[in-house]
Amino acid sequence: MSKYKSLWEYVQKSGSKSFKLTFDEIRDIAGIPIDHSFLNYKKELTEYGYQVGKISMKEQTVVFNKTD
């Protein structure tokens, strides 16, 4: 089971075409802080109908986009 599964499920349930979460919001949802391994795990999100868009280190945000 992925350590980001709860985040992927949250993103899927949002139903939004595109939206942004802060690193703090991701930590609250996933129960763990976002770290460099996120880059390896992000490909799992496609199974939930979304993909990771822009990751901004400056703003500390991640954009999620629906794949349809």
Protein backbone atom coordinates (compact mmCIF):
# COMPACT_ATOMS: atom_id res chain seq x y z
CA MET A 1 0.00 0.00 0.00
CA SER A 2 1.29 3.44 -0.93
CA LYS A 3 2.14 5.88 1.81
CA TYR A 4 0.24 8.49 -0.21
CA LYS A 5 -2.92 6.40 -0.72
CA SER A 6 -5.05 8.66 1.49
CA LEU A 7 -3.90 11.67 -0.57
CA TRP A 8 -4.70 9.94 -3.87
CA GLU A 9 -8.17 9.06 -2.58
CA TYR A 10 -8.72 12.65 -1.44
CA VAL A 11 -7.70 13.97 -4.87
CA GLN A 12 -10.01 11.47 -6.62
CA LYS A 13 -12.98 12.36 -4.40
CA SER A 14 -12.51 16.08 -5.10
CA GLY A 15 -13.85 15.59 -8.63
CA SER A 16 -12.27 18.90 -9.66
CA LYS A 17 -10.70 19.28 -13.08
CA SER A 18 -7.66 20.98 -11.56
CA PHE A 19 -6.76 22.21 -8.09
CA LYS A 20 -3.84 23.14 -5.86
CA LEU A 21 -2.84 21.94 -2.40
CA THR A 22 -0.10 23.31 -0.17
CA PHE A 23 2.57 21.05 1.28
CA ASP A 24 0.94 21.58 4.70
CA GLU A 25 -2.47 20.50 3.38
CA ILE A 26 -0.88 17.42 1.82
CA ARG A 27 0.78 16.60 5.16
CA ASP A 28 -2.58 16.92 6.94
CA ILE A 29 -4.37 14.71 4.39
CA ALA A 30 -1.65 12.06 3.98
CA GLY A 31 -0.55 12.08 7.60
CA ILE A 32 3.07 12.48 6.54
CA PRO A 33 5.11 15.40 5.22
CA ILE A 34 5.80 15.56 1.50
CA ASP A 35 9.40 14.63 0.73
CA HIS A 36 11.60 13.84 -2.26
CA SER A 37 10.09 10.34 -2.54
CA PHE A 38 6.85 12.03 -3.63
CA LEU A 39 8.37 12.25 -7.10
CA ASN A 40 8.55 8.44 -7.24
CA TYR A 41 5.04 7.92 -5.87
CA LYS A 42 3.25 10.51 -8.01
CA LYS A 43 2.87 8.07 -10.94
CA GLU A 44 0.43 6.05 -8.78
CA LEU A 45 -2.05 8.90 -9.02
CA THR A 46 -2.89 8.02 -12.64
CA GLU A 47 -4.72 4.95 -11.30
CA TYR A 48 -7.10 7.42 -9.62
CA GLY A 49 -7.75 9.46 -12.79
CA TYR A 50 -5.40 12.34 -11.96
CA GLN A 51 -1.83 13.40 -12.50
CA VAL A 52 0.54 15.71 -10.67
CA GLY A 53 0.96 18.96 -12.55
CA LYS A 54 3.29 21.68 -11.34
CA ILE A 55 5.20 21.29 -8.09
CA SER A 56 6.33 24.68 -6.78
CA MET A 57 9.08 24.57 -4.20
CA LYS A 58 8.92 28.35 -3.85
CA GLU A 59 5.17 28.45 -3.10
CA GLN A 60 5.24 24.96 -1.54
CA THR A 61 2.24 23.83 -3.58
CA VAL A 62 1.29 20.95 -5.85
CA VAL A 63 -1.24 21.19 -8.69
CA PHE A 64 -3.36 18.14 -9.49
CA ASN A 65 -5.05 17.71 -12.89
CA LYS A 66 -7.77 15.30 -13.96
CA THR A 67 -6.57 13.07 -16.79
CA ASP A 68 -9.80 12.79 -18.82
